[in-house]
Amino acid sequence: MDARAEWDVIGIGANSVDYVYCLPAYPQPGGPHAKMRITTHAVTCGGQVATALATCAALGLRAKYVGSTGKDDNGRRIRDELARRAVNADDATICDAPNQSAVILLDGASGERIVLWDRDDRLAAGLRRLPEETLTSARLLHVDDVDQDAAIRAAAIGRAAGIPVTSDIDRVTDRTEELVRTVSIAIFAEHVPKALTGEDDLERALRTLRELQTGQLCVTLGARGAMLLNGDQLFYEPAFQVDTVDTTGAGDVFRGAFIAAFLRGRAPAEILRFANAAAAVSCTRLGAMNGVPTRDEISAMMQRATVK
């Protein structure tokens, strides 16, 4: 990792403008929850890679976003928000399409949510020409699996240049295994390792996935924390206890904090604990980017909070 690189982290992947609706309970067809009054609502910015980069920037890293934004008001909104958060988006593509957006239904009692999203196919077309010279100017690349073709191409460029590549793998398709093989550090949502391997036990699932690559394999476990396989050594760190307001973006914040700790040379257990604390802070606020914590907030969480 070259400290003289122009950027600490460059991210390739999704951004989103989120319409968040906080409800007294989850909606259900029929019965008392078929019609409910919205408790609160907000329009916030998010998206897997964009939120992770906002976290990196908040933690002092030089962060750059390479992705597709829309030509509409929401596209301008996300570009303005990235700039406000010190994430460079000069090489983001502006497509003649609406920006990705999501409707998020938030259970006010638990903080858990349902995400209903929409992404125009023309946004993926905007990533067909990735700026290789730009990508190789980073100490680390971060990709998601929203546009797997772009993620795999970017990861291959990074690996060929000796740059570590982290990932946000949230679904299983016919190209997921290829993506896992191509990145350096695969960070999975909880349901993915089982879906890829058929193993119910997460440790066995991660050890089975070791056949695909030799780098670090991490899985986020929501309220139960996170697990990491580094070589043959397994690490587990429990989550921090907080009064949850909104879990939207917590996994993205985890990944941004993971990247920051990794680039600062922290040990695996320290990386997990730091990222867990960042995700916990994010759950105490409404919205994805709105939940991005400062380093002081993460430190306070690690010092004062108890784990589950």
Protein backbone atom coordinates (compact mmCIF):
# COMPACT_ATOMS: atom_id res chain seq x y z
CA MET A 1 0.00 0.00 0.00
CA ASP A 2 1.61 3.21 -1.18
CA ALA A 3 1.06 6.14 1.19
CA ARG A 4 2.10 8.44 -1.68
CA ALA A 5 -0.91 7.44 -3.80
CA GLU A 6 -3.22 10.26 -4.78
CA TRP A 7 -6.21 8.67 -3.06
CA ASP A 8 -6.51 6.45 -0.02
CA VAL A 9 -9.67 4.76 -1.31
CA ILE A 10 -11.61 4.82 -4.56
CA GLY A 11 -15.08 3.32 -4.67
CA ILE A 12 -16.94 1.93 -7.67
CA GLY A 13 -20.63 1.16 -7.15
CA ALA A 14 -24.00 2.38 -6.03
CA ASN A 15 -25.30 5.64 -4.70
CA SER A 16 -28.94 6.31 -3.89
CA VAL A 17 -31.38 8.95 -2.81
CA ASP A 18 -33.54 7.37 -0.11
CA TYR A 19 -37.11 8.24 0.80
CA VAL A 20 -37.37 7.05 4.39
CA TYR A 21 -40.77 6.50 5.97
CA CYS A 22 -40.87 5.68 9.68
CA LEU A 23 -43.96 3.63 10.56
CA PRO A 24 -45.42 2.51 13.91
CA ALA A 25 -45.10 -1.14 12.74
CA TYR A 26 -44.41 -3.15 9.60
CA PRO A 27 -47.27 -2.92 7.09
CA GLN A 28 -49.30 -6.08 6.53
CA PRO A 29 -52.20 -6.86 4.18
CA GLY A 30 -55.41 -6.87 6.18
CA GLY A 31 -55.79 -6.14 9.88
CA PRO A 32 -54.74 -3.03 11.82
CA HIS A 33 -51.42 -2.62 9.94
CA ALA A 34 -52.96 -2.45 6.48
CA LYS A 35 -53.30 1.32 6.86
CA MET A 36 -51.00 3.38 9.05
CA ARG A 37 -50.09 7.00 9.43
CA ILE A 38 -46.44 7.78 8.70
CA THR A 39 -44.70 8.77 11.92
CA THR A 40 -41.84 10.72 10.31
CA HIS A 41 -40.29 10.89 6.87
CA ALA A 42 -37.09 12.22 5.34
CA VAL A 43 -35.15 12.33 2.09
CA THR A 44 -31.54 11.26 2.64
CA CYS A 45 -28.55 10.16 0.58
CA GLY A 46 -27.12 6.65 0.68
CA GLY A 47 -26.10 3.71 -1.46
CA GLN A 48 -23.57 1.03 -0.58
CA VAL A 49 -20.35 2.48 -1.96
CA ALA A 50 -21.29 6.14 -1.56
CA THR A 51 -22.04 5.67 2.15
CA ALA A 52 -18.85 3.65 2.71
CA LEU A 53 -16.81 6.43 1.07
CA ALA A 54 -18.55 9.09 3.16
CA THR A 55 -17.48 7.08 6.20
CA CYS A 56 -13.90 6.87 4.94
CA ALA A 57 -13.80 10.63 4.41
CA ALA A 58 -15.24 11.31 7.86
CA LEU A 59 -12.41 9.19 9.28
CA GLY A 60 -9.74 11.23 7.53
CA LEU A 61 -9.13 9.29 4.33
CA ARG A 62 -8.83 10.83 0.88
CA ALA A 63 -11.87 9.29 -0.80
CA LYS A 64 -12.98 9.33 -4.43
CA TYR A 65 -16.20 8.05 -5.99
CA VAL A 66 -16.23 6.56 -9.49
CA GLY A 67 -19.77 5.60 -10.36
CA SER A 68 -22.88 6.58 -12.28
CA THR A 69 -25.23 9.34 -11.21
CA GLY A 70 -28.42 10.50 -12.86
CA LYS A 71 -29.02 13.69 -14.81
CA ASP A 72 -32.06 14.52 -12.65
CA ASP A 73 -32.45 16.43 -9.39
CA ASN A 74 -31.56 13.33 -7.39
CA GLY A 75 -28.32 12.95 -9.33
CA ARG A 76 -27.42 16.54 -8.47
CA ARG A 77 -28.43 15.90 -4.87
CA ILE A 78 -26.08 12.93 -4.48
CA ARG A 79 -23.16 14.74 -6.15
CA ASP A 80 -23.68 17.77 -3.90
CA GLU A 81 -23.85 15.55 -0.82
CA LEU A 82 -20.65 13.72 -1.73
CA ALA A 83 -18.89 17.05 -2.24
CA ARG A 84 -20.20 18.32 1.10
CA ARG A 85 -18.74 15.23 2.75
CA ALA A 86 -15.33 15.71 1.09
CA VAL A 87 -15.74 12.75 -1.30
CA ASN A 88 -14.34 13.64 -4.72
CA ALA A 89 -16.75 12.77 -7.53
CA ASP A 90 -15.00 14.48 -10.45
CA ASP A 91 -14.83 11.20 -12.38
CA ALA A 92 -18.40 10.15 -11.66
CA THR A 93 -20.42 9.61 -14.84
CA ILE A 94 -23.58 11.67 -15.32
CA CYS A 95 -26.00 9.51 -17.29
CA ASP A 96 -29.11 10.58 -19.18
CA ALA A 97 -31.26 8.63 -16.73
CA PRO A 98 -32.88 9.08 -13.34
CA ASN A 99 -30.60 8.48 -10.37
CA GLN A 100 -30.98 5.32 -8.32
CA SER A 101 -33.51 5.78 -5.53
CA ALA A 102 -35.11 3.73 -2.79
CA VAL A 103 -38.20 3.77 -0.63
CA ILE A 104 -37.29 2.62 2.88
CA LEU A 105 -40.04 1.47 5.22
CA LEU A 106 -38.72 1.74 8.76
CA ASP A 107 -40.23 -0.02 11.75
CA GLY A 108 -40.12 2.67 14.42
CA ALA A 109 -40.23 0.09 17.20
CA SER A 110 -37.16 -1.93 16.19
CA GLY A 111 -35.26 0.24 13.71
CA GLU A 112 -35.33 -2.58 11.16
CA ARG A 113 -36.26 -1.72 7.60
CA ILE A 114 -37.48 -2.91 4.23
CA VAL A 115 -35.75 -1.39 1.20
CA LEU A 116 -37.59 -1.03 -2.12
CA TRP A 117 -35.18 0.23 -4.73
CA ASP A 118 -35.11 1.14 -8.41
CA ARG A 119 -32.11 1.56 -10.72
CA ASP A 120 -32.29 2.45 -14.39
CA ASP A 121 -30.24 0.07 -16.58
CA ARG A 122 -28.61 3.06 -18.27
CA LEU A 123 -26.69 3.76 -15.06
CA ALA A 124 -24.79 0.48 -15.49
CA ALA A 125 -23.90 1.47 -19.04
CA GLY A 126 -22.13 4.52 -17.62
CA LEU A 127 -19.50 2.24 -16.05
CA ARG A 128 -18.42 0.44 -19.22
CA ARG A 129 -15.26 2.54 -19.49
CA LEU A 130 -13.52 2.56 -16.13
CA PRO A 131 -10.62 5.03 -15.85
CA GLU A 132 -7.74 2.59 -15.25
CA GLU A 133 -5.20 5.32 -14.56
CA THR A 134 -7.51 6.76 -11.91
CA LEU A 135 -8.23 3.39 -10.29
CA THR A 136 -4.55 2.61 -9.91
CA SER A 137 -3.93 5.94 -8.15
CA ALA A 138 -5.51 4.58 -4.94
CA ARG A 139 -4.13 2.70 -1.95
CA LEU A 140 -7.32 0.60 -1.94
CA LEU A 141 -10.35 0.00 -4.17
CA HIS A 142 -13.83 -0.73 -2.84
CA VAL A 143 -16.58 -2.30 -4.96
CA ASP A 144 -20.12 -3.55 -4.43
CA ASP A 145 -22.19 -6.06 -6.39
CA VAL A 146 -24.84 -3.74 -7.82
CA ASP A 147 -23.07 -3.73 -11.21
CA GLN A 148 -21.02 -6.91 -11.05
CA ASP A 149 -19.38 -6.50 -14.44
CA ALA A 150 -17.90 -3.13 -13.45
CA ALA A 151 -16.94 -4.44 -10.00
CA ILE A 152 -15.09 -7.44 -11.42
CA ARG A 153 -13.28 -5.34 -14.03
CA ALA A 154 -12.27 -2.76 -11.41
CA ALA A 155 -11.14 -5.45 -8.98
CA ALA A 156 -9.04 -7.12 -11.68
CA ILE A 157 -7.37 -3.79 -12.46
CA GLY A 158 -6.66 -3.24 -8.79
CA ARG A 159 -5.31 -6.72 -8.15
CA ALA A 160 -3.05 -6.52 -11.22
CA ALA A 161 -1.62 -3.27 -9.84
CA GLY A 162 -1.06 -4.80 -6.40
CA ILE A 163 -3.84 -2.74 -4.80
CA PRO A 164 -6.09 -4.40 -2.18
CA VAL A 165 -9.75 -4.57 -3.15
CA THR A 166 -12.55 -4.73 -0.58
CA SER A 167 -16.13 -5.58 -1.43
CA ASP A 168 -19.76 -5.34 -0.41
CA ILE A 169 -21.40 -8.63 -1.44
CA ASP A 170 -25.09 -8.57 -0.65
CA ARG A 171 -26.65 -11.03 -3.12
CA VAL A 172 -25.94 -14.24 -5.01
CA THR A 173 -25.94 -14.42 -8.81
CA ASP A 174 -24.15 -16.53 -11.40
CA ARG A 175 -21.19 -14.11 -11.15
CA THR A 176 -20.85 -13.85 -7.37
CA GLU A 177 -18.16 -16.53 -7.13
CA GLU A 178 -16.16 -14.73 -9.83
CA LEU A 179 -16.41 -11.50 -7.83
CA VAL A 180 -15.26 -13.29 -4.65
CA ARG A 181 -12.26 -14.72 -6.52
CA THR A 182 -11.29 -11.32 -7.93
CA VAL A 183 -11.38 -9.13 -4.80
CA SER A 184 -8.79 -9.25 -2.00
CA ILE A 185 -11.15 -8.90 0.95
CA ALA A 186 -14.69 -10.20 0.55
CA ILE A 187 -17.19 -8.72 3.02
CA PHE A 188 -20.51 -10.56 2.88
CA ALA A 189 -24.00 -9.86 4.15
CA GLU A 190 -25.05 -12.57 6.61
CA HIS A 191 -27.18 -14.63 4.20
CA VAL A 192 -24.59 -14.85 1.41
CA PRO A 193 -22.05 -17.43 2.73
CA LYS A 194 -24.80 -19.99 3.33
CA ALA A 195 -26.33 -19.33 -0.09
CA LEU A 196 -22.93 -19.81 -1.77
CA THR A 197 -21.89 -22.93 0.15
CA GLY A 198 -25.03 -24.58 1.54
CA GLU A 199 -23.41 -24.48 5.01
CA ASP A 200 -25.61 -23.32 7.90
CA ASP A 201 -22.62 -22.82 10.19
CA LEU A 202 -20.90 -19.53 9.32
CA GLU A 203 -17.42 -20.68 10.25
CA ARG A 204 -17.70 -23.73 8.01
CA ALA A 205 -19.15 -21.55 5.27
CA LEU A 206 -16.21 -19.14 5.43
CA ARG A 207 -13.71 -22.00 5.46
CA THR A 208 -15.44 -23.48 2.41
CA LEU A 209 -15.24 -20.12 0.65
CA ARG A 210 -11.50 -20.18 1.31
CA GLU A 211 -11.37 -22.43 -1.78
CA LEU A 212 -12.27 -19.38 -3.90
CA GLN A 213 -9.55 -17.06 -2.59
CA THR A 214 -6.79 -16.72 -0.02
CA GLY A 215 -7.57 -13.19 1.21
CA GLN A 216 -9.66 -12.11 4.18
CA LEU A 217 -13.28 -13.26 4.31
CA CYS A 218 -15.63 -11.26 6.51
CA VAL A 219 -19.35 -11.53 7.23
CA THR A 220 -21.50 -8.90 8.93
CA LEU A 221 -24.03 -10.28 11.40
CA GLY A 222 -26.18 -7.24 12.19
CA ALA A 223 -27.06 -7.16 15.87
CA ARG A 224 -24.67 -10.07 16.52
CA GLY A 225 -21.51 -8.35 15.31
CA ALA A 226 -19.07 -9.61 12.66
CA MET A 227 -16.80 -12.56 11.86
CA LEU A 228 -13.54 -12.62 9.90
CA LEU A 229 -11.41 -15.45 8.55
CA ASN A 230 -7.80 -14.30 8.16
CA GLY A 231 -5.71 -17.15 6.81
CA ASP A 232 -6.82 -20.09 8.95
CA GLN A 233 -7.55 -17.93 12.01
CA LEU A 234 -11.15 -17.03 12.80
CA PHE A 235 -12.03 -13.79 14.58
CA TYR A 236 -15.40 -12.85 16.03
CA GLU A 237 -16.41 -9.55 17.63
CA PRO A 238 -19.89 -8.99 19.11
CA ALA A 239 -21.97 -5.93 18.31
CA PHE A 240 -22.37 -2.95 20.63
CA GLN A 241 -25.66 -2.38 22.43
CA VAL A 242 -27.48 0.77 21.30
CA ASP A 243 -31.05 2.04 21.13
CA THR A 244 -31.59 1.47 17.42
CA VAL A 245 -33.30 4.18 15.41
CA ASP A 246 -32.49 3.02 11.85
CA THR A 247 -30.29 0.20 10.57
CA THR A 248 -30.17 1.66 7.03
CA GLY A 249 -26.56 1.99 5.91
CA ALA A 250 -25.08 0.28 8.97
CA GLY A 251 -23.35 -2.35 6.82
CA ASP A 252 -21.98 0.34 4.51
CA VAL A 253 -20.62 2.31 7.48
CA PHE A 254 -19.09 -0.93 8.78
CA ARG A 255 -17.24 -1.37 5.49
CA GLY A 256 -16.00 2.22 5.45
CA ALA A 257 -14.68 1.91 9.00
CA PHE A 258 -13.18 -1.49 8.16
CA ILE A 259 -11.28 0.13 5.28
CA ALA A 260 -10.03 2.98 7.49
CA ALA A 261 -8.77 0.58 10.17
CA PHE A 262 -7.24 -1.76 7.57
CA LEU A 263 -5.33 1.06 5.87
CA ARG A 264 -4.00 2.14 9.25
CA GLY A 265 -2.55 -1.32 9.77
CA ARG A 266 -4.82 -2.47 12.58
CA ALA A 267 -4.96 -6.14 13.59
CA PRO A 268 -8.02 -8.18 12.50
CA ALA A 269 -9.75 -8.12 15.90
CA GLU A 270 -9.20 -4.35 16.18
CA ILE A 271 -10.59 -3.83 12.68
CA LEU A 272 -13.78 -5.74 13.54
CA ARG A 273 -14.28 -3.94 16.85
CA PHE A 274 -13.73 -0.52 15.28
CA ALA A 275 -16.10 -1.27 12.39
CA ASN A 276 -18.73 -2.68 14.77
CA ALA A 277 -18.58 0.49 16.85
CA ALA A 278 -18.99 2.67 13.74
CA ALA A 279 -21.99 0.63 12.61
CA ALA A 280 -23.53 0.88 16.09
CA VAL A 281 -23.27 4.67 16.09
CA SER A 282 -24.87 4.80 12.65
CA CYS A 283 -27.90 2.86 13.93
CA THR A 284 -28.72 5.66 16.38
CA ARG A 285 -29.58 8.12 13.59
CA LEU A 286 -32.05 8.24 10.71
CA GLY A 287 -30.68 7.66 7.21
CA ALA A 288 -27.59 6.10 5.64
CA MET A 289 -25.13 8.97 5.16
CA ASN A 290 -26.79 10.85 8.02
CA GLY A 291 -25.62 8.00 10.24
CA VAL A 292 -21.92 8.33 9.33
CA PRO A 293 -19.99 8.75 12.60
CA THR A 294 -16.91 10.74 13.49
CA ARG A 295 -13.78 9.14 14.91
CA ASP A 296 -14.57 10.68 18.31
CA GLU A 297 -18.04 9.12 18.28
CA ILE A 298 -16.58 5.72 17.45
CA SER A 299 -13.98 6.04 20.21
CA ALA A 300 -16.68 7.00 22.70
CA MET A 301 -18.73 3.98 21.68
CA MET A 302 -15.77 1.67 22.13
CA GLN A 303 -14.97 3.11 25.56
CA ARG A 304 -18.45 3.34 27.07
CA ALA A 305 -20.74 0.88 25.39
CA THR A 306 -21.27 -2.76 26.26
CA VAL A 307 -21.42 -5.49 23.66
CA LYS A 308 -24.25 -7.92 23.00
